[in-house]
Amino acid sequence: MSNPMKTFPSEMEIFVDKKSGRKVIQLTKTGTNYHFYFTENSFTEGDEEILYLHSDLPFGTVRNFDLFALDLKTGVRTQLSDFTGKFKQWEFRTKSRDSKIIVLVADGVVYRMDRDTLALILII
């Protein structure tokens, strides 16, 4: 995947846990996916969207991920970054509650990414 703002179809699947009998919604199936570290909220204000990190490479072989948004109502996934080749290494740091501002460190430099334009603005 290398097309920011490209959308991908839902992979959501609902099933019932055999032990508890509770309904479980699996959000993604393909690639390797990570939510943010436990101290950072993946949800966009309103709880209708989450941001997460994704790579098409299998688990254990991934070094760099791209940032995605997932619509929790439709399951549609939208790629928000394409940093492979642009940076040797990047890490998500934080975001605003409405997910319109994303802060990341790439190759030792701090950037602010504007969600509406995907423009990277150098901070430090």
PDB file of N, CA and C in Angstrom:
ATOM      1  N   MET A   1       0.848  -1.171   0.000  1.00  0.00           N
ATOM      2  CA  MET A   1       0.000   0.000   0.000  1.00  0.00           C
ATOM      3  C   MET A   1       0.891   1.230   0.000  1.00  0.00           C
ATOM      4  N   SER A   2       0.654   2.105  -0.922  1.00  0.00           N
ATOM      5  CA  SER A   2       1.477   3.305  -0.955  1.00  0.00           C
ATOM      6  C   SER A   2       0.706   4.489  -1.509  1.00  0.00           C
ATOM      7  N   ASN A   3      -0.542   4.596  -1.172  1.00  0.00           N
ATOM      8  CA  ASN A   3      -1.370   5.677  -1.685  1.00  0.00           C
ATOM      9  C   ASN A   3      -2.124   6.366  -0.563  1.00  0.00           C
ATOM     10  N   PRO A   4      -1.553   7.461  -0.018  1.00  0.00           N
ATOM     11  CA  PRO A   4      -2.292   8.168   1.018  1.00  0.00           C
ATOM     12  C   PRO A   4      -3.669   8.590   0.529  1.00  0.00           C
ATOM     13  N   MET A   5      -4.636   8.450   1.407  1.00  0.00           N
ATOM     14  CA  MET A   5      -6.048   8.754   1.192  1.00  0.00           C
ATOM     15  C   MET A   5      -6.753   7.694   0.354  1.00  0.00           C
ATOM     16  N   LYS A   6      -6.049   6.641  -0.033  1.00  0.00           N
ATOM     17  CA  LYS A   6      -6.708   5.526  -0.701  1.00  0.00           C
ATOM     18  C   LYS A   6      -7.541   4.781   0.335  1.00  0.00           C
ATOM     19  N   THR A   7      -8.713   4.355  -0.083  1.00  0.00           N
ATOM     20  CA  THR A   7      -9.571   3.601   0.835  1.00  0.00           C
ATOM     21  C   THR A   7      -9.544   2.120   0.478  1.00  0.00           C
ATOM     22  N   PHE A   8      -9.745   1.306   1.487  1.00  0.00           N
ATOM     23  CA  PHE A   8      -9.748  -0.139   1.334  1.00  0.00           C
ATOM     24  C   PHE A   8     -11.027  -0.676   1.956  1.00  0.00           C
ATOM     25  N   PRO A   9     -11.587  -1.738   1.396  1.00  0.00           N
ATOM     26  CA  PRO A   9     -12.868  -2.256   1.905  1.00  0.00           C
ATOM     27  C   PRO A   9     -12.758  -2.808   3.321  1.00  0.00           C
ATOM     28  N   SER A  10     -13.890  -2.913   3.933  1.00  0.00           N
ATOM     29  CA  SER A  10     -13.988  -3.431   5.293  1.00  0.00           C
ATOM     30  C   SER A  10     -13.493  -4.871   5.364  1.00  0.00           C
ATOM     31  N   GLU A  11     -12.822  -5.173   6.463  1.00  0.00           N
ATOM     32  CA  GLU A  11     -12.436  -6.551   6.779  1.00  0.00           C
ATOM     33  C   GLU A  11     -13.121  -6.999   8.068  1.00  0.00           C
ATOM     34  N   MET A  12     -14.041  -6.177   8.568  1.00  0.00           N
ATOM     35  CA  MET A  12     -14.696  -6.474   9.838  1.00  0.00           C
ATOM     36  C   MET A  12     -15.479  -7.778   9.755  1.00  0.00           C
ATOM     37  N   GLU A  13     -15.368  -8.552  10.828  1.00  0.00           N
ATOM     38  CA  GLU A  13     -16.103  -9.805  10.913  1.00  0.00           C
ATOM     39  C   GLU A  13     -16.622  -9.957  12.336  1.00  0.00           C
ATOM     40  N   ILE A  14     -17.860 -10.344  12.451  1.00  0.00           N
ATOM     41  CA  ILE A  14     -18.477 -10.538  13.759  1.00  0.00           C
ATOM     42  C   ILE A  14     -18.583 -12.046  14.023  1.00  0.00           C
ATOM     43  N   PHE A  15     -18.182 -12.453  15.220  1.00  0.00           N
ATOM     44  CA  PHE A  15     -18.334 -13.850  15.610  1.00  0.00           C
ATOM     45  C   PHE A  15     -18.612 -13.918  17.104  1.00  0.00           C
ATOM     46  N   VAL A  16     -19.001 -15.074  17.568  1.00  0.00           N
ATOM     47  CA  VAL A  16     -19.307 -15.274  18.980  1.00  0.00           C
ATOM     48  C   VAL A  16     -18.167 -16.070  19.605  1.00  0.00           C
ATOM     49  N   ASP A  17     -17.624 -15.543  20.701  1.00  0.00           N
ATOM     50  CA  ASP A  17     -16.562 -16.217  21.428  1.00  0.00           C
ATOM     51  C   ASP A  17     -17.108 -17.512  22.027  1.00  0.00           C
ATOM     52  N   LYS A  18     -16.418 -18.613  21.782  1.00  0.00           N
ATOM     53  CA  LYS A  18     -16.900 -19.924  22.228  1.00  0.00           C
ATOM     54  C   LYS A  18     -16.941 -20.066  23.753  1.00  0.00           C
ATOM     55  N   LYS A  19     -15.993 -19.458  24.445  1.00  0.00           N
ATOM     56  CA  LYS A  19     -15.954 -19.591  25.907  1.00  0.00           C
ATOM     57  C   LYS A  19     -16.968 -18.691  26.605  1.00  0.00           C
ATOM     58  N   SER A  20     -17.008 -17.422  26.210  1.00  0.00           N
ATOM     59  CA  SER A  20     -17.846 -16.469  26.943  1.00  0.00           C
ATOM     60  C   SER A  20     -19.241 -16.300  26.346  1.00  0.00           C
ATOM     61  N   GLY A  21     -19.391 -16.651  25.072  1.00  0.00           N
ATOM     62  CA  GLY A  21     -20.663 -16.440  24.394  1.00  0.00           C
ATOM     63  C   GLY A  21     -20.882 -14.993  23.971  1.00  0.00           C
ATOM     64  N   ARG A  22     -19.878 -14.152  24.140  1.00  0.00           N
ATOM     65  CA  ARG A  22     -19.998 -12.734  23.792  1.00  0.00           C
ATOM     66  C   ARG A  22     -19.672 -12.496  22.319  1.00  0.00           C
ATOM     67  N   LYS A  23     -20.325 -11.480  21.783  1.00  0.00           N
ATOM     68  CA  LYS A  23     -20.081 -11.063  20.405  1.00  0.00           C
ATOM     69  C   LYS A  23     -18.729 -10.344  20.321  1.00  0.00           C
ATOM     70  N   VAL A  24     -17.920 -10.708  19.349  1.00  0.00           N
ATOM     71  CA  VAL A  24     -16.609 -10.104  19.122  1.00  0.00           C
ATOM     72  C   VAL A  24     -16.594  -9.545  17.703  1.00  0.00           C
ATOM     73  N   ILE A  25     -16.050  -8.342  17.555  1.00  0.00           N
ATOM     74  CA  ILE A  25     -15.905  -7.747  16.223  1.00  0.00           C
ATOM     75  C   ILE A  25     -14.418  -7.667  15.911  1.00  0.00           C
ATOM     76  N   GLN A  26     -13.988  -8.452  14.934  1.00  0.00           N
ATOM     77  CA  GLN A  26     -12.611  -8.399  14.468  1.00  0.00           C
ATOM     78  C   GLN A  26     -12.543  -7.265  13.456  1.00  0.00           C
ATOM     79  N   LEU A  27     -11.645  -6.297  13.663  1.00  0.00           N
ATOM     80  CA  LEU A  27     -11.608  -5.106  12.810  1.00  0.00           C
ATOM     81  C   LEU A  27     -10.799  -5.294  11.538  1.00  0.00           C
ATOM     82  N   THR A  28      -9.689  -6.028  11.609  1.00  0.00           N
ATOM     83  CA  THR A  28      -8.828  -6.221  10.442  1.00  0.00           C
ATOM     84  C   THR A  28      -8.425  -7.680  10.332  1.00  0.00           C
ATOM     85  N   LYS A  29      -8.025  -8.075   9.133  1.00  0.00           N
ATOM     86  CA  LYS A  29      -7.599  -9.459   8.898  1.00  0.00           C
ATOM     87  C   LYS A  29      -6.244  -9.540   8.204  1.00  0.00           C
ATOM     88  N   THR A  30      -5.965  -8.629   7.303  1.00  0.00           N
ATOM     89  CA  THR A  30      -4.764  -8.738   6.482  1.00  0.00           C
ATOM     90  C   THR A  30      -3.610  -7.936   7.058  1.00  0.00           C
ATOM     91  N   GLY A  31      -2.394  -8.360   6.713  1.00  0.00           N
ATOM     92  CA  GLY A  31      -1.207  -7.636   7.129  1.00  0.00           C
ATOM     93  C   GLY A  31      -0.966  -7.718   8.621  1.00  0.00           C
ATOM     94  N   THR A  32      -0.156  -6.796   9.102  1.00  0.00           N
ATOM     95  CA  THR A  32       0.159  -6.671  10.514  1.00  0.00           C
ATOM     96  C   THR A  32      -0.386  -5.339  10.990  1.00  0.00           C
ATOM     97  N   ASN A  33      -1.158  -5.346  12.065  1.00  0.00           N
ATOM     98  CA  ASN A  33      -1.825  -4.144  12.545  1.00  0.00           C
ATOM     99  C   ASN A  33      -1.566  -3.950  14.030  1.00  0.00           C
ATOM    100  N   TYR A  34      -1.331  -2.690  14.403  1.00  0.00           N
ATOM    101  CA  TYR A  34      -1.086  -2.340  15.800  1.00  0.00           C
ATOM    102  C   TYR A  34      -1.909  -1.124  16.172  1.00  0.00           C
ATOM    103  N   HIS A  35      -2.506  -1.168  17.354  1.00  0.00           N
ATOM    104  CA  HIS A  35      -3.103   0.044  17.909  1.00  0.00           C
ATOM    105  C   HIS A  35      -1.978   0.797  18.595  1.00  0.00           C
ATOM    106  N   PHE A  36      -2.228   2.014  19.004  1.00  0.00           N
ATOM    107  CA  PHE A  36      -1.203   2.814  19.658  1.00  0.00           C
ATOM    108  C   PHE A  36      -0.897   2.263  21.039  1.00  0.00           C
ATOM    109  N   TYR A  37       0.219   2.664  21.571  1.00  0.00           N
ATOM    110  CA  TYR A  37       0.632   2.256  22.900  1.00  0.00           C
ATOM    111  C   TYR A  37      -0.466   2.571  23.899  1.00  0.00           C
ATOM    112  N   PHE A  38      -0.566   1.813  24.969  1.00  0.00           N
ATOM    113  CA  PHE A  38      -1.717   1.886  25.867  1.00  0.00           C
ATOM    114  C   PHE A  38      -1.959   3.262  26.493  1.00  0.00           C
ATOM    115  N   THR A  39      -0.966   4.136  26.522  1.00  0.00           N
ATOM    116  CA  THR A  39      -1.182   5.469  27.102  1.00  0.00           C
ATOM    117  C   THR A  39      -1.747   6.456  26.080  1.00  0.00           C
ATOM    118  N   GLU A  40      -1.879   6.074  24.840  1.00  0.00           N
ATOM    119  CA  GLU A  40      -2.373   6.961  23.780  1.00  0.00           C
ATOM    120  C   GLU A  40      -3.680   6.412  23.230  1.00  0.00           C
ATOM    121  N   ASN A  41      -4.670   7.249  23.134  1.00  0.00           N
ATOM    122  CA  ASN A  41      -5.991   6.845  22.676  1.00  0.00           C
ATOM    123  C   ASN A  41      -6.035   6.736  21.149  1.00  0.00           C
ATOM    124  N   SER A  42      -6.411   5.588  20.636  1.00  0.00           N
ATOM    125  CA  SER A  42      -6.547   5.385  19.194  1.00  0.00           C
ATOM    126  C   SER A  42      -7.837   5.977  18.649  1.00  0.00           C
ATOM    127  N   PHE A  43      -8.824   6.214  19.526  1.00  0.00           N
ATOM    128  CA  PHE A  43     -10.133   6.687  19.074  1.00  0.00           C
ATOM    129  C   PHE A  43     -10.122   8.161  18.722  1.00  0.00           C
ATOM    130  N   THR A  44     -10.828   8.486  17.656  1.00  0.00           N
ATOM    131  CA  THR A  44     -11.108   9.877  17.317  1.00  0.00           C
ATOM    132  C   THR A  44     -12.310  10.292  18.149  1.00  0.00           C
ATOM    133  N   GLU A  45     -12.333  11.536  18.580  1.00  0.00           N
ATOM    134  CA  GLU A  45     -13.444  12.042  19.380  1.00  0.00           C
ATOM    135  C   GLU A  45     -14.768  11.651  18.731  1.00  0.00           C
ATOM    136  N   GLY A  46     -15.669  11.111  19.509  1.00  0.00           N
ATOM    137  CA  GLY A  46     -16.951  10.633  18.997  1.00  0.00           C
ATOM    138  C   GLY A  46     -17.004   9.116  18.883  1.00  0.00           C
ATOM    139  N   ASP A  47     -15.864   8.446  19.008  1.00  0.00           N
ATOM    140  CA  ASP A  47     -15.781   6.983  19.006  1.00  0.00           C
ATOM    141  C   ASP A  47     -16.320   6.314  17.740  1.00  0.00           C
ATOM    142  N   GLU A  48     -16.248   7.001  16.608  1.00  0.00           N
ATOM    143  CA  GLU A  48     -16.691   6.387  15.354  1.00  0.00           C
ATOM    144  C   GLU A  48     -15.523   6.026  14.445  1.00  0.00           C
ATOM    145  N   GLU A  49     -14.309   6.303  14.918  1.00  0.00           N
ATOM    146  CA  GLU A  49     -13.128   6.049  14.103  1.00  0.00           C
ATOM    147  C   GLU A  49     -11.954   5.758  15.025  1.00  0.00           C
ATOM    148  N   ILE A  50     -11.070   4.887  14.573  1.00  0.00           N
ATOM    149  CA  ILE A  50      -9.801   4.694  15.262  1.00  0.00           C
ATOM    150  C   ILE A  50      -8.674   4.893  14.262  1.00  0.00           C
ATOM    151  N   LEU A  51      -7.525   5.296  14.789  1.00  0.00           N
ATOM    152  CA  LEU A  51      -6.299   5.329  14.003  1.00  0.00           C
ATOM    153  C   LEU A  51      -5.459   4.149  14.456  1.00  0.00           C
ATOM    154  N   TYR A  52      -4.747   3.553  13.517  1.00  0.00           N
ATOM    155  CA  TYR A  52      -3.903   2.409  13.856  1.00  0.00           C
ATOM    156  C   TYR A  52      -2.764   2.338  12.855  1.00  0.00           C
ATOM    157  N   LEU A  53      -1.791   1.490  13.142  1.00  0.00           N
ATOM    158  CA  LEU A  53      -0.627   1.308  12.278  1.00  0.00           C
ATOM    159  C   LEU A  53      -0.775  -0.008  11.528  1.00  0.00           C
ATOM    160  N   HIS A  54      -0.428   0.021  10.235  1.00  0.00           N
ATOM    161  CA  HIS A  54      -0.628  -1.151   9.382  1.00  0.00           C
ATOM    162  C   HIS A  54       0.561  -1.347   8.445  1.00  0.00           C
ATOM    163  N   SER A  55       0.861  -2.602   8.185  1.00  0.00           N
ATOM    164  CA  SER A  55       1.812  -2.991   7.150  1.00  0.00           C
ATOM    165  C   SER A  55       1.276  -4.230   6.452  1.00  0.00           C
ATOM    166  N   ASP A  56       1.532  -4.346   5.164  1.00  0.00           N
ATOM    167  CA  ASP A  56       1.126  -5.535   4.427  1.00  0.00           C
ATOM    168  C   ASP A  56       2.046  -6.717   4.708  1.00  0.00           C
ATOM    169  N   LEU A  57       3.206  -6.464   5.311  1.00  0.00           N
ATOM    170  CA  LEU A  57       4.159  -7.528   5.593  1.00  0.00           C
ATOM    171  C   LEU A  57       3.693  -8.373   6.773  1.00  0.00           C
ATOM    172  N   PRO A  58       4.079  -9.648   6.785  1.00  0.00           N
ATOM    173  CA  PRO A  58       3.652 -10.523   7.885  1.00  0.00           C
ATOM    174  C   PRO A  58       4.298 -10.140   9.211  1.00  0.00           C
ATOM    175  N   PHE A  59       3.633 -10.510  10.297  1.00  0.00           N
ATOM    176  CA  PHE A  59       4.107 -10.244  11.651  1.00  0.00           C
ATOM    177  C   PHE A  59       5.539 -10.746  11.818  1.00  0.00           C
ATOM    178  N   GLY A  60       6.375  -9.933  12.459  1.00  0.00           N
ATOM    179  CA  GLY A  60       7.751 -10.321  12.720  1.00  0.00           C
ATOM    180  C   GLY A  60       8.733  -9.836  11.673  1.00  0.00           C
ATOM    181  N   THR A  61       8.251  -9.419  10.511  1.00  0.00           N
ATOM    182  CA  THR A  61       9.152  -8.938   9.460  1.00  0.00           C
ATOM    183  C   THR A  61       9.028  -7.434   9.257  1.00  0.00           C
ATOM    184  N   VAL A  62       8.151  -6.793  10.022  1.00  0.00           N
ATOM    185  CA  VAL A  62       7.824  -5.386   9.798  1.00  0.00           C
ATOM    186  C   VAL A  62       8.730  -4.470  10.600  1.00  0.00           C
ATOM    187  N   ARG A  63       9.206  -3.426   9.960  1.00  0.00           N
ATOM    188  CA  ARG A  63       9.961  -2.390  10.650  1.00  0.00           C
ATOM    189  C   ARG A  63       9.232  -1.056  10.597  1.00  0.00           C
ATOM    190  N   ASN A  64       8.590  -0.781   9.500  1.00  0.00           N
ATOM    191  CA  ASN A  64       7.875   0.482   9.347  1.00  0.00           C
ATOM    192  C   ASN A  64       6.424   0.217   8.986  1.00  0.00           C
ATOM    193  N   PHE A  65       5.564   0.994   9.607  1.00  0.00           N
ATOM    194  CA  PHE A  65       4.137   0.891   9.374  1.00  0.00           C
ATOM    195  C   PHE A  65       3.636   2.189   8.775  1.00  0.00           C
ATOM    196  N   ASP A  66       2.471   2.142   8.173  1.00  0.00           N
ATOM    197  CA  ASP A  66       1.800   3.367   7.764  1.00  0.00           C
ATOM    198  C   ASP A  66       0.601   3.590   8.659  1.00  0.00           C
ATOM    199  N   LEU A  67       0.178   4.833   8.722  1.00  0.00           N
ATOM    200  CA  LEU A  67      -0.937   5.232   9.569  1.00  0.00           C
ATOM    201  C   LEU A  67      -2.239   5.094   8.792  1.00  0.00           C
ATOM    202  N   PHE A  68      -3.228   4.479   9.433  1.00  0.00           N
ATOM    203  CA  PHE A  68      -4.539   4.257   8.817  1.00  0.00           C
ATOM    204  C   PHE A  68      -5.634   4.744   9.751  1.00  0.00           C
ATOM    205  N   ALA A  69      -6.768   5.097   9.168  1.00  0.00           N
ATOM    206  CA  ALA A  69      -7.989   5.384   9.918  1.00  0.00           C
ATOM    207  C   ALA A  69      -9.000   4.309   9.552  1.00  0.00           C
ATOM    208  N   LEU A  70      -9.758   3.852  10.536  1.00  0.00           N
ATOM    209  CA  LEU A  70     -10.782   2.843  10.295  1.00  0.00           C
ATOM    210  C   LEU A  70     -12.118   3.383  10.787  1.00  0.00           C
ATOM    211  N   ASP A  71     -13.092   3.438   9.886  1.00  0.00           N
ATOM    212  CA  ASP A  71     -14.446   3.860  10.224  1.00  0.00           C
ATOM    213  C   ASP A  71     -15.122   2.691  10.929  1.00  0.00           C
ATOM    214  N   LEU A  72     -15.471   2.870  12.192  1.00  0.00           N
ATOM    215  CA  LEU A  72     -16.025   1.770  12.981  1.00  0.00           C
ATOM    216  C   LEU A  72     -17.454   1.403  12.594  1.00  0.00           C
ATOM    217  N   LYS A  73     -18.130   2.251  11.845  1.00  0.00           N
ATOM    218  CA  LYS A  73     -19.485   1.918  11.392  1.00  0.00           C
ATOM    219  C   LYS A  73     -19.453   1.113  10.102  1.00  0.00           C
ATOM    220  N   THR A  74     -18.590   1.520   9.154  1.00  0.00           N
ATOM    221  CA  THR A  74     -18.563   0.870   7.843  1.00  0.00           C
ATOM    222  C   THR A  74     -17.419  -0.125   7.683  1.00  0.00           C
ATOM    223  N   GLY A  75     -16.374   0.034   8.495  1.00  0.00           N
ATOM    224  CA  GLY A  75     -15.195  -0.814   8.365  1.00  0.00           C
ATOM    225  C   GLY A  75     -14.221  -0.341   7.302  1.00  0.00           C
ATOM    226  N   VAL A  76     -14.570   0.699   6.555  1.00  0.00           N
ATOM    227  CA  VAL A  76     -13.683   1.213   5.508  1.00  0.00           C
ATOM    228  C   VAL A  76     -12.400   1.739   6.149  1.00  0.00           C
ATOM    229  N   ARG A  77     -11.276   1.356   5.551  1.00  0.00           N
ATOM    230  CA  ARG A  77      -9.954   1.753   6.035  1.00  0.00           C
ATOM    231  C   ARG A  77      -9.353   2.774   5.076  1.00  0.00           C
ATOM    232  N   THR A  78      -8.788   3.839   5.614  1.00  0.00           N
ATOM    233  CA  THR A  78      -8.173   4.881   4.795  1.00  0.00           C
ATOM    234  C   THR A  78      -6.720   5.032   5.181  1.00  0.00           C
ATOM    235  N   GLN A  79      -5.834   4.936   4.187  1.00  0.00           N
ATOM    236  CA  GLN A  79      -4.403   5.101   4.428  1.00  0.00           C
ATOM    237  C   GLN A  79      -4.101   6.589   4.567  1.00  0.00           C
ATOM    238  N   LEU A  80      -3.419   6.971   5.654  1.00  0.00           N
ATOM    239  CA  LEU A  80      -3.113   8.371   5.910  1.00  0.00           C
ATOM    240  C   LEU A  80      -1.653   8.734   5.686  1.00  0.00           C
ATOM    241  N   SER A  81      -0.780   7.752   5.600  1.00  0.00           N
ATOM    242  CA  SER A  81       0.636   8.065   5.396  1.00  0.00           C
ATOM    243  C   SER A  81       1.250   7.111   4.386  1.00  0.00           C
ATOM    244  N   ASP A  82       2.363   7.570   3.824  1.00  0.00           N
ATOM    245  CA  ASP A  82       3.176   6.751   2.939  1.00  0.00           C
ATOM    246  C   ASP A  82       4.624   7.129   3.210  1.00  0.00           C
ATOM    247  N   PHE A  83       5.130   6.665   4.338  1.00  0.00           N
ATOM    248  CA  PHE A  83       6.461   7.067   4.768  1.00  0.00           C
ATOM    249  C   PHE A  83       7.548   6.100   4.339  1.00  0.00           C
ATOM    250  N   THR A  84       7.178   4.937   3.803  1.00  0.00           N
ATOM    251  CA  THR A  84       8.172   3.970   3.355  1.00  0.00           C
ATOM    252  C   THR A  84       8.978   4.593   2.219  1.00  0.00           C
ATOM    253  N   GLY A  85      10.287   4.613   2.371  1.00  0.00           N
ATOM    254  CA  GLY A  85      11.155   5.223   1.371  1.00  0.00           C
ATOM    255  C   GLY A  85      11.421   6.696   1.652  1.00  0.00           C
ATOM    256  N   LYS A  86      10.501   7.359   2.313  1.00  0.00           N
ATOM    257  CA  LYS A  86      10.691   8.767   2.652  1.00  0.00           C
ATOM    258  C   LYS A  86      11.542   8.897   3.912  1.00  0.00           C
ATOM    259  N   PHE A  87      11.283   8.023   4.882  1.00  0.00           N
ATOM    260  CA  PHE A  87      12.031   8.009   6.135  1.00  0.00           C
ATOM    261  C   PHE A  87      12.598   6.619   6.366  1.00  0.00           C
ATOM    262  N   LYS A  88      13.775   6.558   6.993  1.00  0.00           N
ATOM    263  CA  LYS A  88      14.336   5.257   7.370  1.00  0.00           C
ATOM    264  C   LYS A  88      13.542   4.661   8.519  1.00  0.00           C
ATOM    265  N   GLN A  89      13.108   5.536   9.434  1.00  0.00           N
ATOM    266  CA  GLN A  89      12.348   5.074  10.595  1.00  0.00           C
ATOM    267  C   GLN A  89      11.435   6.208  11.051  1.00  0.00           C
ATOM    268  N   TRP A  90      10.223   5.844  11.417  1.00  0.00           N
ATOM    269  CA  TRP A  90       9.317   6.851  11.992  1.00  0.00           C
ATOM    270  C   TRP A  90       8.477   6.201  13.064  1.00  0.00           C
ATOM    271  N   GLU A  91       8.024   7.021  14.011  1.00  0.00           N
ATOM    272  CA  GLU A  91       7.201   6.535  15.118  1.00  0.00           C
ATOM    273  C   GLU A  91       6.084   7.517  15.396  1.00  0.00           C
ATOM    274  N   PHE A  92       4.901   6.997  15.588  1.00  0.00           N
ATOM    275  CA  PHE A  92       3.765   7.803  16.015  1.00  0.00           C
ATOM    276  C   PHE A  92       4.031   8.260  17.443  1.00  0.00           C
ATOM    277  N   ARG A  93       3.702   9.509  17.759  1.00  0.00           N
ATOM    278  CA  ARG A  93       3.877  10.011  19.126  1.00  0.00           C
ATOM    279  C   ARG A  93       2.558  10.354  19.803  1.00  0.00           C
ATOM    280  N   THR A  94       1.726  11.167  19.165  1.00  0.00           N
ATOM    281  CA  THR A  94       0.451  11.545  19.761  1.00  0.00           C
ATOM    282  C   THR A  94      -0.452  12.148  18.693  1.00  0.00           C
ATOM    283  N   LYS A  95      -1.671  12.466  19.081  1.00  0.00           N
ATOM    284  CA  LYS A  95      -2.614  13.089  18.170  1.00  0.00           C
ATOM    285  C   LYS A  95      -3.585  13.941  18.972  1.00  0.00           C
ATOM    286  N   SER A  96      -4.257  14.845  18.270  1.00  0.00           N
ATOM    287  CA  SER A  96      -5.300  15.625  18.926  1.00  0.00           C
ATOM    288  C   SER A  96      -6.530  14.743  19.120  1.00  0.00           C
ATOM    289  N   ARG A  97      -7.438  15.163  19.986  1.00  0.00           N
ATOM    290  CA  ARG A  97      -8.635  14.352  20.272  1.00  0.00           C
ATOM    291  C   ARG A  97      -9.471  14.116  19.023  1.00  0.00           C
ATOM    292  N   ASP A  98      -9.506  15.115  18.121  1.00  0.00           N
ATOM    293  CA  ASP A  98     -10.292  14.973  16.895  1.00  0.00           C
ATOM    294  C   ASP A  98      -9.494  14.316  15.767  1.00  0.00           C
ATOM    295  N   SER A  99      -8.271  13.927  16.034  1.00  0.00           N
ATOM    296  CA  SER A  99      -7.369  13.264  15.081  1.00  0.00           C
ATOM    297  C   SER A  99      -7.019  14.119  13.871  1.00  0.00           C
ATOM    298  N   LYS A 100      -7.169  15.415  13.976  1.00  0.00           N
ATOM    299  CA  LYS A 100      -6.813  16.295  12.858  1.00  0.00           C
ATOM    300  C   LYS A 100      -5.338  16.675  12.875  1.00  0.00           C
ATOM    301  N   ILE A 101      -4.691  16.527  14.014  1.00  0.00           N
ATOM    302  CA  ILE A 101      -3.259  16.800  14.132  1.00  0.00           C
ATOM    303  C   ILE A 101      -2.587  15.543  14.661  1.00  0.00           C
ATOM    304  N   ILE A 102      -1.581  15.086  13.954  1.00  0.00           N
ATOM    305  CA  ILE A 102      -0.845  13.890  14.340  1.00  0.00           C
ATOM    306  C   ILE A 102       0.620  14.291  14.491  1.00  0.00           C
ATOM    307  N   VAL A 103       1.241  13.898  15.584  1.00  0.00           N
ATOM    308  CA  VAL A 103       2.641  14.227  15.823  1.00  0.00           C
ATOM    309  C   VAL A 103       3.455  12.943  15.723  1.00  0.00           C
ATOM    310  N   LEU A 104       4.567  13.016  14.988  1.00  0.00           N
ATOM    311  CA  LEU A 104       5.412  11.855  14.794  1.00  0.00           C
ATOM    312  C   LEU A 104       6.870  12.255  14.807  1.00  0.00           C
ATOM    313  N   VAL A 105       7.725  11.289  15.061  1.00  0.00           N
ATOM    314  CA  VAL A 105       9.167  11.484  14.975  1.00  0.00           C
ATOM    315  C   VAL A 105       9.650  10.636  13.812  1.00  0.00           C
ATOM    316  N   ALA A 106      10.334  11.285  12.874  1.00  0.00           N
ATOM    317  CA  ALA A 106      10.851  10.574  11.706  1.00  0.00           C
ATOM    318  C   ALA A 106      12.325  10.911  11.539  1.00  0.00           C
ATOM    319  N   ASP A 107      13.154   9.886  11.530  1.00  0.00           N
ATOM    320  CA  ASP A 107      14.598  10.050  11.418  1.00  0.00           C
ATOM    321  C   ASP A 107      15.127  11.078  12.412  1.00  0.00           C
ATOM    322  N   GLY A 108      14.589  11.050  13.639  1.00  0.00           N
ATOM    323  CA  GLY A 108      15.063  11.920  14.702  1.00  0.00           C
ATOM    324  C   GLY A 108      14.530  13.339  14.671  1.00  0.00           C
ATOM    325  N   VAL A 109      13.582  13.623  13.800  1.00  0.00           N
ATOM    326  CA  VAL A 109      13.002  14.961  13.668  1.00  0.00           C
ATOM    327  C   VAL A 109      11.517  14.882  14.003  1.00  0.00           C
ATOM    328  N   VAL A 110      10.991  15.896  14.719  1.00  0.00           N
ATOM    329  CA  VAL A 110       9.588  15.912  15.112  1.00  0.00           C
ATOM    330  C   VAL A 110       8.765  16.660  14.057  1.00  0.00           C
ATOM    331  N   TYR A 111       7.691  16.021  13.610  1.00  0.00           N
ATOM    332  CA  TYR A 111       6.794  16.596  12.612  1.00  0.00           C
ATOM    333  C   TYR A 111       5.364  16.622  13.132  1.00  0.00           C
ATOM    334  N   ARG A 112       4.619  17.552  12.601  1.00  0.00           N
ATOM    335  CA  ARG A 112       3.168  17.610  12.788  1.00  0.00           C
ATOM    336  C   ARG A 112       2.553  17.299  11.430  1.00  0.00           C
ATOM    337  N   MET A 113       1.636  16.361  11.408  1.00  0.00           N
ATOM    338  CA  MET A 113       0.947  16.043  10.159  1.00  0.00           C
ATOM    339  C   MET A 113      -0.480  16.570  10.242  1.00  0.00           C
ATOM    340  N   ASP A 114      -0.858  17.360   9.264  1.00  0.00           N
ATOM    341  CA  ASP A 114      -2.215  17.880   9.176  1.00  0.00           C
ATOM    342  C   ASP A 114      -3.079  16.817   8.527  1.00  0.00           C
ATOM    343  N   ARG A 115      -4.075  16.349   9.223  1.00  0.00           N
ATOM    344  CA  ARG A 115      -4.906  15.237   8.741  1.00  0.00           C
ATOM    345  C   ARG A 115      -5.670  15.590   7.468  1.00  0.00           C
ATOM    346  N   ASP A 116      -6.133  16.828   7.344  1.00  0.00           N
ATOM    347  CA  ASP A 116      -6.924  17.209   6.172  1.00  0.00           C
ATOM    348  C   ASP A 116      -6.095  17.262   4.894  1.00  0.00           C
ATOM    349  N   THR A 117      -4.839  17.710   4.997  1.00  0.00           N
ATOM    350  CA  THR A 117      -4.007  17.862   3.802  1.00  0.00           C
ATOM    351  C   THR A 117      -2.891  16.825   3.726  1.00  0.00           C
ATOM    352  N   LEU A 118      -2.627  16.148   4.849  1.00  0.00           N
ATOM    353  CA  LEU A 118      -1.518  15.198   5.014  1.00  0.00           C
ATOM    354  C   LEU A 118      -0.148  15.875   4.904  1.00  0.00           C
ATOM    355  N   ALA A 119      -0.140  17.215   4.991  1.00  0.00           N
ATOM    356  CA  ALA A 119       1.116  17.967   4.935  1.00  0.00           C
ATOM    357  C   ALA A 119       1.914  17.721   6.218  1.00  0.00           C
ATOM    358  N   LEU A 120       3.230  17.541   6.059  1.00  0.00           N
ATOM    359  CA  LEU A 120       4.138  17.402   7.193  1.00  0.00           C
ATOM    360  C   LEU A 120       4.779  18.748   7.482  1.00  0.00           C
ATOM    361  N   ILE A 121       4.691  19.193   8.727  1.00  0.00           N
ATOM    362  CA  ILE A 121       5.246  20.465   9.129  1.00  0.00           C
ATOM    363  C   ILE A 121       6.323  20.188  10.163  1.00  0.00           C
ATOM    364  N   LEU A 122       7.539  20.665   9.896  1.00  0.00           N
ATOM    365  CA  LEU A 122       8.655  20.459  10.788  1.00  0.00           C
ATOM    366  C   LEU A 122       8.419  21.203  12.102  1.00  0.00           C
ATOM    367  N   ILE A 123       8.551  20.517  13.218  1.00  0.00           N
ATOM    368  CA  ILE A 123       8.425  21.158  14.532  1.00  0.00           C
ATOM    369  C   ILE A 123       9.805  21.386  15.137  1.00  0.00           C
ATOM    370  N   ILE A 124      10.593  20.323  15.244  1.00  0.00           N
ATOM    371  CA  ILE A 124      11.951  20.425  15.809  1.00  0.00           C
ATOM    372  C   ILE A 124      12.888  19.611  14.939  1.00  0.00           C
TER     373      ILE A 124
END
